[in-house]
Amino acid sequence: MSRQLNVRVSETFARTLERVARQTGRPMAAVLEAIGTPALEEAEADARFEAEAFAAWEAYQLDGQAGKVEELEAIFKAGIAKAGAAARRRKR
């Protein structure tokens, strides 16, 4: 089921959206959804990461215990992979 949203955007954005929709032969809503879905997913992932980092910091402040080296390496590896994926998406 779809839902209608009224969103105020700049004139430049609206013209560009209309042009892309015409060029691709897709409705403006479909173009917005195709572009917006990955951005929303990334924003949600960022919010989860920040919440987890904040919770870890609070836990550390309470008990002074840090994570194991392996856990920290896994966190950094995941962060690097996420940054690389975001950079590849931006290059497209």
N, C-alpha and C. Protein backbone atom coordinates (compact mmCIF):
# COMPACT_ATOMS: atom_id res chain seq x y z
N MET A 1 0.84 -1.16 0.00
CA MET A 1 0.00 0.00 0.00
C MET A 1 0.90 1.24 0.00
N SER A 2 0.55 2.19 -0.79
CA SER A 2 1.35 3.42 -0.84
C SER A 2 0.70 4.50 0.02
N ARG A 3 1.50 5.49 0.30
CA ARG A 3 1.03 6.60 1.14
C ARG A 3 1.52 7.90 0.52
N GLN A 4 0.67 8.88 0.50
CA GLN A 4 1.02 10.17 -0.08
C GLN A 4 1.63 11.06 0.99
N LEU A 5 2.76 11.71 0.63
CA LEU A 5 3.41 12.66 1.51
C LEU A 5 3.55 13.99 0.78
N ASN A 6 3.34 15.06 1.48
CA ASN A 6 3.57 16.38 0.92
C ASN A 6 4.88 16.89 1.49
N VAL A 7 5.84 17.16 0.61
CA VAL A 7 7.17 17.56 1.03
C VAL A 7 7.54 18.84 0.30
N ARG A 8 8.04 19.81 1.04
CA ARG A 8 8.48 21.06 0.44
C ARG A 8 9.95 20.93 0.09
N VAL A 9 10.28 21.15 -1.19
CA VAL A 9 11.66 21.07 -1.67
C VAL A 9 11.98 22.33 -2.45
N SER A 10 13.27 22.53 -2.70
CA SER A 10 13.67 23.71 -3.47
C SER A 10 13.22 23.55 -4.93
N GLU A 11 13.12 24.67 -5.60
CA GLU A 11 12.74 24.66 -7.02
C GLU A 11 13.75 23.87 -7.84
N THR A 12 15.03 24.02 -7.51
CA THR A 12 16.09 23.30 -8.23
C THR A 12 15.92 21.80 -8.06
N PHE A 13 15.66 21.37 -6.84
CA PHE A 13 15.46 19.94 -6.59
C PHE A 13 14.26 19.42 -7.37
N ALA A 14 13.16 20.16 -7.35
CA ALA A 14 11.95 19.74 -8.05
C ALA A 14 12.19 19.63 -9.55
N ARG A 15 12.89 20.61 -10.12
CA ARG A 15 13.18 20.55 -11.57
C ARG A 15 14.06 19.35 -11.91
N THR A 16 15.06 19.12 -11.07
CA THR A 16 15.95 17.98 -11.32
C THR A 16 15.19 16.67 -11.20
N LEU A 17 14.36 16.55 -10.19
CA LEU A 17 13.56 15.34 -10.02
C LEU A 17 12.65 15.11 -11.22
N GLU A 18 11.99 16.15 -11.67
CA GLU A 18 11.11 16.03 -12.84
C GLU A 18 11.91 15.60 -14.08
N ARG A 19 13.10 16.19 -14.27
CA ARG A 19 13.94 15.85 -15.42
C ARG A 19 14.37 14.38 -15.37
N VAL A 20 14.82 13.93 -14.21
CA VAL A 20 15.26 12.54 -14.08
C VAL A 20 14.08 11.59 -14.30
N ALA A 21 12.93 11.94 -13.77
CA ALA A 21 11.74 11.10 -13.97
C ALA A 21 11.39 10.99 -15.46
N ARG A 22 11.45 12.11 -16.17
CA ARG A 22 11.18 12.08 -17.61
C ARG A 22 12.22 11.24 -18.35
N GLN A 23 13.50 11.45 -18.00
CA GLN A 23 14.58 10.74 -18.68
C GLN A 23 14.50 9.23 -18.47
N THR A 24 14.10 8.82 -17.29
CA THR A 24 14.04 7.39 -16.99
C THR A 24 12.68 6.78 -17.30
N GLY A 25 11.68 7.63 -17.56
CA GLY A 25 10.34 7.12 -17.83
C GLY A 25 9.66 6.56 -16.59
N ARG A 26 10.09 7.01 -15.44
CA ARG A 26 9.52 6.53 -14.17
C ARG A 26 8.81 7.68 -13.48
N PRO A 27 7.82 7.37 -12.66
CA PRO A 27 7.16 8.42 -11.88
C PRO A 27 8.13 9.04 -10.89
N MET A 28 7.90 10.30 -10.55
CA MET A 28 8.77 10.98 -9.59
C MET A 28 8.83 10.22 -8.27
N ALA A 29 7.72 9.67 -7.83
CA ALA A 29 7.70 8.92 -6.57
C ALA A 29 8.64 7.72 -6.62
N ALA A 30 8.69 7.04 -7.77
CA ALA A 30 9.57 5.89 -7.91
C ALA A 30 11.03 6.31 -7.88
N VAL A 31 11.34 7.45 -8.51
CA VAL A 31 12.71 7.97 -8.50
C VAL A 31 13.11 8.32 -7.08
N LEU A 32 12.24 9.04 -6.38
CA LEU A 32 12.54 9.42 -4.99
C LEU A 32 12.75 8.20 -4.11
N GLU A 33 11.90 7.19 -4.27
CA GLU A 33 12.02 5.99 -3.43
C GLU A 33 13.32 5.24 -3.74
N ALA A 34 13.67 5.15 -5.02
CA ALA A 34 14.91 4.46 -5.40
C ALA A 34 16.14 5.17 -4.84
N ILE A 35 16.10 6.49 -4.84
CA ILE A 35 17.23 7.27 -4.32
C ILE A 35 17.21 7.30 -2.79
N GLY A 36 16.04 7.46 -2.23
CA GLY A 36 15.92 7.66 -0.79
C GLY A 36 16.08 6.42 0.05
N THR A 37 15.71 5.26 -0.46
CA THR A 37 15.78 4.04 0.34
C THR A 37 17.19 3.75 0.84
N PRO A 38 18.21 3.76 -0.03
CA PRO A 38 19.57 3.52 0.49
C PRO A 38 20.02 4.58 1.48
N ALA A 39 19.63 5.83 1.25
CA ALA A 39 20.02 6.91 2.17
C ALA A 39 19.34 6.71 3.53
N LEU A 40 18.08 6.31 3.54
CA LEU A 40 17.39 6.06 4.80
C LEU A 40 18.00 4.87 5.54
N GLU A 41 18.33 3.81 4.80
CA GLU A 41 18.95 2.64 5.42
C GLU A 41 20.29 3.02 6.05
N GLU A 42 21.06 3.85 5.36
CA GLU A 42 22.35 4.29 5.89
C GLU A 42 22.16 5.15 7.14
N ALA A 43 21.17 6.03 7.11
CA ALA A 43 20.89 6.88 8.27
C ALA A 43 20.46 6.03 9.47
N GLU A 44 19.65 5.01 9.24
CA GLU A 44 19.25 4.12 10.32
C GLU A 44 20.44 3.36 10.88
N ALA A 45 21.32 2.87 10.00
CA ALA A 45 22.52 2.15 10.44
C ALA A 45 23.42 3.07 11.26
N ASP A 46 23.56 4.32 10.83
CA ASP A 46 24.37 5.29 11.57
C ASP A 46 23.78 5.52 12.96
N ALA A 47 22.45 5.65 13.04
CA ALA A 47 21.80 5.87 14.32
C ALA A 47 22.00 4.68 15.25
N ARG A 48 21.89 3.45 14.71
CA ARG A 48 22.13 2.25 15.51
C ARG A 48 23.57 2.22 16.02
N PHE A 49 24.51 2.53 15.12
CA PHE A 49 25.93 2.53 15.50
C PHE A 49 26.18 3.53 16.63
N GLU A 50 25.62 4.73 16.49
CA GLU A 50 25.81 5.75 17.52
C GLU A 50 25.20 5.32 18.85
N ALA A 51 24.02 4.70 18.79
CA ALA A 51 23.37 4.23 20.02
C ALA A 51 24.21 3.14 20.68
N GLU A 52 24.75 2.22 19.89
CA GLU A 52 25.58 1.16 20.44
C GLU A 52 26.86 1.73 21.03
N ALA A 53 27.45 2.70 20.34
CA ALA A 53 28.69 3.32 20.84
C ALA A 53 28.42 4.06 22.15
N PHE A 54 27.31 4.77 22.22
CA PHE A 54 26.96 5.49 23.44
C PHE A 54 26.72 4.52 24.59
N ALA A 55 26.02 3.42 24.31
CA ALA A 55 25.76 2.42 25.35
C ALA A 55 27.07 1.80 25.83
N ALA A 56 27.97 1.52 24.89
CA ALA A 56 29.28 0.96 25.27
C ALA A 56 30.06 1.95 26.13
N TRP A 57 30.01 3.22 25.77
CA TRP A 57 30.72 4.25 26.54
C TRP A 57 30.13 4.35 27.95
N GLU A 58 28.81 4.32 28.05
CA GLU A 58 28.17 4.37 29.37
C GLU A 58 28.58 3.17 30.21
N ALA A 59 28.59 1.99 29.60
CA ALA A 59 28.98 0.77 30.32
C ALA A 59 30.42 0.89 30.80
N TYR A 60 31.28 1.40 29.95
CA TYR A 60 32.69 1.57 30.33
C TYR A 60 32.82 2.55 31.49
N GLN A 61 32.06 3.63 31.45
CA GLN A 61 32.13 4.61 32.54
C GLN A 61 31.65 4.02 33.86
N LEU A 62 30.70 3.09 33.79
CA LEU A 62 30.17 2.49 35.01
C LEU A 62 31.13 1.47 35.63
N ASP A 63 31.73 0.62 34.78
CA ASP A 63 32.54 -0.45 35.36
C ASP A 63 34.03 -0.38 34.98
N GLY A 64 34.40 0.53 34.10
CA GLY A 64 35.80 0.68 33.73
C GLY A 64 36.36 -0.44 32.90
N GLN A 65 35.51 -1.37 32.50
CA GLN A 65 35.98 -2.50 31.70
C GLN A 65 35.86 -2.17 30.22
N ALA A 66 36.93 -2.39 29.51
CA ALA A 66 36.93 -2.18 28.06
C ALA A 66 36.71 -3.52 27.38
N GLY A 67 36.40 -3.46 26.10
CA GLY A 67 36.20 -4.69 25.33
C GLY A 67 37.52 -5.39 25.07
N LYS A 68 37.42 -6.63 24.66
CA LYS A 68 38.60 -7.40 24.30
C LYS A 68 39.13 -6.90 22.96
N VAL A 69 40.41 -7.13 22.72
CA VAL A 69 41.04 -6.69 21.47
C VAL A 69 40.29 -7.24 20.26
N GLU A 70 39.89 -8.49 20.32
CA GLU A 70 39.18 -9.11 19.19
C GLU A 70 37.86 -8.39 18.90
N GLU A 71 37.16 -8.01 19.97
CA GLU A 71 35.89 -7.30 19.80
C GLU A 71 36.12 -5.93 19.16
N LEU A 72 37.15 -5.23 19.63
CA LEU A 72 37.45 -3.91 19.06
C LEU A 72 37.88 -4.01 17.61
N GLU A 73 38.68 -5.01 17.28
CA GLU A 73 39.09 -5.20 15.89
C GLU A 73 37.89 -5.47 15.00
N ALA A 74 36.93 -6.26 15.49
CA ALA A 74 35.72 -6.53 14.71
C ALA A 74 34.91 -5.26 14.50
N ILE A 75 34.82 -4.41 15.51
CA ILE A 75 34.09 -3.16 15.38
C ILE A 75 34.76 -2.26 14.35
N PHE A 76 36.09 -2.12 14.44
CA PHE A 76 36.81 -1.29 13.47
C PHE A 76 36.70 -1.85 12.05
N LYS A 77 36.79 -3.18 11.92
CA LYS A 77 36.68 -3.81 10.60
C LYS A 77 35.30 -3.52 10.00
N ALA A 78 34.26 -3.63 10.81
CA ALA A 78 32.90 -3.34 10.32
C ALA A 78 32.77 -1.87 9.93
N GLY A 79 33.36 -0.98 10.73
CA GLY A 79 33.30 0.45 10.41
C GLY A 79 34.03 0.78 9.12
N ILE A 80 35.18 0.17 8.91
CA ILE A 80 35.94 0.39 7.68
C ILE A 80 35.16 -0.14 6.48
N ALA A 81 34.55 -1.30 6.62
CA ALA A 81 33.74 -1.86 5.52
C ALA A 81 32.56 -0.95 5.20
N LYS A 82 31.93 -0.43 6.23
CA LYS A 82 30.79 0.47 6.03
C LYS A 82 31.23 1.75 5.32
N ALA A 83 32.35 2.31 5.75
CA ALA A 83 32.86 3.52 5.10
C ALA A 83 33.22 3.25 3.64
N GLY A 84 33.82 2.11 3.38
CA GLY A 84 34.17 1.76 2.00
C GLY A 84 32.94 1.61 1.12
N ALA A 85 31.90 0.97 1.67
CA ALA A 85 30.66 0.80 0.90
C ALA A 85 30.02 2.15 0.62
N ALA A 86 30.03 3.04 1.60
CA ALA A 86 29.45 4.38 1.40
C ALA A 86 30.25 5.14 0.35
N ALA A 87 31.57 5.02 0.37
CA ALA A 87 32.40 5.71 -0.62
C ALA A 87 32.13 5.17 -2.02
N ARG A 88 31.96 3.87 -2.15
CA ARG A 88 31.67 3.28 -3.48
C ARG A 88 30.32 3.76 -3.99
N ARG A 89 29.32 3.85 -3.08
CA ARG A 89 28.00 4.32 -3.51
C ARG A 89 28.06 5.76 -3.99
N ARG A 90 28.87 6.57 -3.33
CA ARG A 90 28.97 7.99 -3.71
C ARG A 90 29.67 8.17 -5.05
N LYS A 91 30.55 7.25 -5.42
CA LYS A 91 31.29 7.36 -6.68
C LYS A 91 30.40 7.06 -7.89
N ARG A 92 29.29 6.36 -7.65
CA ARG A 92 28.41 5.99 -8.78
C ARG A 92 27.75 7.17 -9.39
